Amino acid sequence: MNGKILNENSYTIKDLPISERPREKMYSQGVHALSNAELLAVIIGSGSKGDTAIDLARRILSLDNRGIALLSDVSLEELIELKGIGLSKACQVLAAIEIGKRLNKVGPHDKVRITNPSIVADILMDEMRYLNKEYFKIAILDTKNQILSIENISVGTLNASIVHPRDVFKVAIKRNANSIILIHNHPSGDTKPSGEDISITNRLIDAGNLLGIRVLDHIIIGDNTFLSFKEKNLI
């Protein structure tokens, strides 16, 4: 070996067979053929100090046991702390994630008319089912029950969201809401409403009645499942 000692981490993407290189694989087989690590490696672009881009991608996906789902709320600080992931690569990853979130937020529900709670749940399931904190959102509807926008109201803890009526209706009034649907997630995956869930729902219904903005439903997002207060006769 001409005196050169190689270790198992000294290879680069170019040392992999062409069929296993992410970009070449994407070109020849299509983007859907790539694994989660390979997709992330394409975003990262290059390796660092003996690690390939795929090694770095796997390092990110190993941050916790959620796998790719952790990308829904990973922070810049968490990424930078990983060996080989500097500010530039961390920003590239977060930018790609944010594009996905915005596409999910804007495209699917544009001018969608809400006729049953499953429509709202379908729009937000992929975004909210993996979150490890409670996020409280509202869907703002016009006079035809079409979605004008879906707005973030607050972020809580592992098992509680913190929301105040003034925050909810400040946004609703600004968006000229005719009615709203409340939405929050349960990180546990269990959609059973807590006493606090029921209490805040009733408070918001009362506040909405005073302001002339009806609260049509409250939807709790779990792990690929949801609960509608209206369907359960809780509203």
Protein backbone atom coordinates (compact mmCIF):
# COMPACT_ATOMS: atom_id res chain seq x y z
CA MET A 1 0.00 0.00 0.00
CA ASN A 2 3.02 2.24 -0.49
CA GLY A 3 3.18 2.85 3.24
CA LYS A 4 -0.25 4.45 3.28
CA ILE A 5 -2.55 3.20 6.03
CA LEU A 6 -6.27 3.56 5.43
CA ASN A 7 -8.95 3.31 8.07
CA GLU A 8 -12.60 2.56 7.52
CA ASN A 9 -13.55 6.24 7.68
CA SER A 10 -11.04 7.49 5.10
CA TYR A 11 -13.22 6.90 2.05
CA THR A 12 -15.40 9.44 0.29
CA ILE A 13 -18.66 9.25 -1.67
CA LYS A 14 -16.59 8.71 -4.82
CA ASP A 15 -15.24 5.47 -3.34
CA LEU A 16 -18.76 4.01 -3.30
CA PRO A 17 -20.09 2.10 -6.31
CA ILE A 18 -21.80 4.49 -8.72
CA SER A 19 -25.14 2.81 -8.07
CA GLU A 20 -24.85 3.69 -4.37
CA ARG A 21 -23.87 7.34 -4.75
CA PRO A 22 -26.93 9.44 -3.82
CA ARG A 23 -26.85 11.91 -6.69
CA GLU A 24 -26.14 9.27 -9.33
CA LYS A 25 -28.81 7.03 -7.81
CA MET A 26 -31.31 9.89 -7.92
CA TYR A 27 -30.48 10.53 -11.56
CA SER A 28 -30.74 6.89 -12.65
CA GLN A 29 -33.58 5.64 -10.40
CA GLY A 30 -35.48 8.75 -9.34
CA VAL A 31 -35.69 10.62 -6.05
CA HIS A 32 -38.13 8.10 -4.55
CA ALA A 33 -35.43 5.40 -4.68
CA LEU A 34 -33.25 7.21 -2.13
CA SER A 35 -33.25 6.27 1.54
CA ASN A 36 -33.77 8.92 4.21
CA ALA A 37 -30.01 9.08 4.81
CA GLU A 38 -29.30 9.41 1.08
CA LEU A 39 -31.82 12.25 0.68
CA LEU A 40 -30.24 14.07 3.60
CA ALA A 41 -26.77 13.42 2.16
CA VAL A 42 -27.78 15.14 -1.09
CA ILE A 43 -28.86 18.20 0.93
CA ILE A 44 -25.63 18.18 2.97
CA GLY A 45 -23.63 17.95 -0.23
CA SER A 46 -20.19 16.92 1.03
CA GLY A 47 -18.54 15.04 3.84
CA SER A 48 -16.11 16.27 6.46
CA LYS A 49 -12.79 14.98 7.81
CA GLY A 50 -13.06 11.34 6.81
CA ASP A 51 -16.85 11.14 7.01
CA THR A 52 -18.94 10.95 3.87
CA ALA A 53 -22.11 12.98 3.47
CA ILE A 54 -24.03 9.75 4.13
CA ASP A 55 -22.13 9.28 7.41
CA LEU A 56 -23.10 12.79 8.46
CA ALA A 57 -26.70 12.18 7.42
CA ARG A 58 -26.85 9.02 9.52
CA ARG A 59 -25.38 10.93 12.44
CA ILE A 60 -28.22 13.46 12.21
CA LEU A 61 -30.87 10.75 11.93
CA SER A 62 -29.44 9.08 15.03
CA LEU A 63 -30.01 12.13 17.24
CA ASP A 64 -32.94 10.27 18.80
CA ASN A 65 -35.06 7.21 18.14
CA ARG A 66 -37.61 9.04 15.99
CA GLY A 67 -35.36 8.81 12.93
CA ILE A 68 -36.39 11.16 10.14
CA ALA A 69 -39.30 12.43 12.25
CA LEU A 70 -36.85 14.35 14.45
CA LEU A 71 -36.31 16.74 11.55
CA SER A 72 -39.75 18.22 12.22
CA ASP A 73 -38.37 20.17 15.18
CA VAL A 74 -34.57 19.82 15.16
CA SER A 75 -32.77 23.04 16.06
CA LEU A 76 -29.75 24.77 14.56
CA GLU A 77 -27.91 24.31 17.86
CA GLU A 78 -28.53 20.56 17.90
CA LEU A 79 -27.17 20.17 14.37
CA ILE A 80 -24.07 22.29 14.94
CA GLU A 81 -23.14 20.20 17.98
CA LEU A 82 -22.75 17.11 15.78
CA LYS A 83 -19.26 16.25 14.59
CA GLY A 84 -18.80 17.30 10.97
CA ILE A 85 -21.94 19.47 10.82
CA GLY A 86 -20.95 23.10 10.79
CA LEU A 87 -23.09 26.20 10.41
CA SER A 88 -23.28 25.93 6.62
CA LYS A 89 -24.48 22.32 6.52
CA ALA A 90 -26.89 22.90 9.41
CA CYS A 91 -28.42 25.86 7.58
CA GLN A 92 -28.79 23.80 4.39
CA VAL A 93 -30.67 21.08 6.28
CA LEU A 94 -32.96 23.53 8.11
CA ALA A 95 -33.69 25.43 4.89
CA ALA A 96 -34.78 22.21 3.15
CA ILE A 97 -36.98 21.28 6.13
CA GLU A 98 -38.60 24.71 6.16
CA ILE A 99 -39.39 24.49 2.44
CA GLY A 100 -41.15 21.20 3.07
CA LYS A 101 -43.14 22.68 5.95
CA ARG A 102 -44.21 25.69 3.89
CA LEU A 103 -45.29 23.52 0.97
CA ASN A 104 -47.32 21.40 3.35
CA LYS A 105 -48.87 24.48 4.93
CA VAL A 106 -49.70 26.50 1.84
CA GLY A 107 -50.44 24.05 -0.96
CA PRO A 108 -52.77 21.33 0.35
CA HIS A 109 -55.34 23.51 2.11
CA ASP A 110 -55.50 26.44 -0.31
CA LYS A 111 -59.24 27.11 -0.83
CA VAL A 112 -60.13 23.75 0.70
CA ARG A 113 -63.68 23.65 2.04
CA ILE A 114 -64.02 21.93 5.40
CA THR A 115 -66.97 19.53 5.41
CA ASN A 116 -65.65 17.12 8.05
CA PRO A 117 -62.80 17.05 10.60
CA SER A 118 -60.78 14.45 8.70
CA ILE A 119 -59.92 17.08 6.08
CA VAL A 120 -58.14 19.23 8.66
CA ALA A 121 -56.50 16.17 10.23
CA ASP A 122 -55.19 15.00 6.85
CA ILE A 123 -53.66 18.40 6.14
CA LEU A 124 -51.79 18.57 9.46
CA MET A 125 -51.11 14.92 10.32
CA ASP A 126 -47.65 14.64 8.75
CA GLU A 127 -46.57 17.96 10.25
CA MET A 128 -47.86 17.42 13.78
CA ARG A 129 -47.86 13.69 14.58
CA TYR A 130 -44.14 13.55 15.40
CA LEU A 131 -43.77 16.79 17.37
CA ASN A 132 -42.38 16.27 20.89
CA LYS A 133 -44.11 19.34 22.33
CA GLU A 134 -47.72 20.44 22.20
CA TYR A 135 -48.39 22.94 19.43
CA PHE A 136 -51.67 24.85 19.33
CA LYS A 137 -52.96 26.06 15.96
CA ILE A 138 -56.17 27.42 14.53
CA ALA A 139 -57.66 26.96 11.08
CA ILE A 140 -59.29 30.22 10.00
CA LEU A 141 -62.37 29.82 7.81
CA ASP A 142 -64.39 32.15 5.62
CA THR A 143 -68.18 32.26 5.22
CA LYS A 144 -68.03 29.19 2.93
CA ASN A 145 -65.99 27.19 5.45
CA GLN A 146 -62.95 27.46 3.19
CA ILE A 147 -59.56 27.66 4.87
CA LEU A 148 -58.08 31.14 4.71
CA SER A 149 -54.99 30.15 6.69
CA ILE A 150 -53.70 27.88 9.43
CA GLU A 151 -51.92 29.83 12.14
CA ASN A 152 -49.56 28.85 14.97
CA ILE A 153 -50.78 30.21 18.31
CA SER A 154 -48.48 28.73 20.94
CA VAL A 155 -45.93 26.04 21.79
CA GLY A 156 -46.21 24.29 25.12
CA THR A 157 -44.42 21.51 26.95
CA LEU A 158 -44.43 17.74 26.53
CA ASN A 159 -47.97 17.37 27.83
CA ALA A 160 -49.51 20.83 27.90
CA SER A 161 -50.08 23.66 25.47
CA ILE A 162 -50.34 27.20 26.77
CA VAL A 163 -52.98 29.26 25.01
CA HIS A 164 -54.92 32.38 25.90
CA PRO A 165 -58.16 33.52 24.21
CA ARG A 166 -56.69 36.93 23.35
CA ASP A 167 -53.91 35.27 21.30
CA VAL A 168 -56.39 33.09 19.43
CA PHE A 169 -58.85 35.81 18.56
CA LYS A 170 -56.26 38.49 17.87
CA VAL A 171 -55.12 36.35 14.94
CA ALA A 172 -58.66 35.37 13.96
CA ILE A 173 -59.83 38.99 13.83
CA LYS A 174 -56.74 40.06 11.88
CA ARG A 175 -57.50 37.37 9.26
CA ASN A 176 -61.20 38.32 9.06
CA ALA A 177 -62.32 34.92 10.29
CA ASN A 178 -65.94 33.92 10.07
CA SER A 179 -65.22 30.82 12.18
CA ILE A 180 -62.24 28.83 13.44
CA ILE A 181 -61.22 25.27 14.20
CA LEU A 182 -58.88 24.63 17.10
CA ILE A 183 -56.07 22.11 16.60
CA HIS A 184 -53.37 20.79 18.86
CA ASN A 185 -51.24 17.65 19.08
CA HIS A 186 -50.58 15.14 21.85
CA PRO A 187 -46.92 14.01 21.71
CA SER A 188 -47.90 10.79 23.52
CA GLY A 189 -49.95 9.80 20.48
CA ASP A 190 -53.05 9.34 22.65
CA THR A 191 -55.85 11.63 21.48
CA LYS A 192 -57.99 11.43 24.63
CA PRO A 193 -58.74 15.04 25.68
CA SER A 194 -57.54 16.17 29.09
CA GLY A 195 -59.61 18.18 31.52
CA GLU A 196 -57.59 21.24 30.52
CA ASP A 197 -58.30 20.56 26.81
CA ILE A 198 -62.02 20.59 27.53
CA SER A 199 -61.78 23.67 29.76
CA ILE A 200 -59.85 25.81 27.26
CA THR A 201 -62.19 24.73 24.48
CA ASN A 202 -65.21 25.95 26.42
CA ARG A 203 -63.44 29.23 27.22
CA LEU A 204 -62.65 29.80 23.58
CA ILE A 205 -66.21 28.95 22.51
CA ASP A 206 -67.56 31.53 24.97
CA ALA A 207 -65.05 34.15 23.82
CA GLY A 208 -65.85 33.43 20.19
CA ASN A 209 -69.58 33.81 20.77
CA LEU A 210 -69.00 37.26 22.25
CA LEU A 211 -66.90 38.28 19.25
CA GLY A 212 -69.12 36.71 16.60
CA ILE A 213 -66.49 34.15 15.57
CA ARG A 214 -67.74 30.58 16.02
CA VAL A 215 -65.49 27.78 17.20
CA LEU A 216 -66.63 24.89 15.00
CA ASP A 217 -64.44 22.11 16.37
CA HIS A 218 -61.33 21.21 18.32
CA ILE A 219 -59.16 18.52 16.76
CA ILE A 220 -56.47 16.63 18.67
CA ILE A 221 -53.74 15.11 16.51
CA GLY A 222 -52.14 11.87 17.71
CA ASP A 223 -49.88 9.31 16.06
CA ASN A 224 -51.66 8.82 12.72
CA THR A 225 -55.00 9.27 14.44
CA PHE A 226 -57.15 12.19 15.55
CA LEU A 227 -60.11 13.09 17.75
CA SER A 228 -62.81 15.63 16.90
CA PHE A 229 -64.62 17.29 19.79
CA LYS A 230 -67.62 17.78 17.51
CA GLU A 231 -67.79 14.12 16.52
CA LYS A 232 -67.53 13.13 20.19
CA ASN A 233 -70.29 15.61 21.12
CA LEU A 234 -67.87 17.58 23.31
CA ILE A 235 -68.90 20.77 21.50
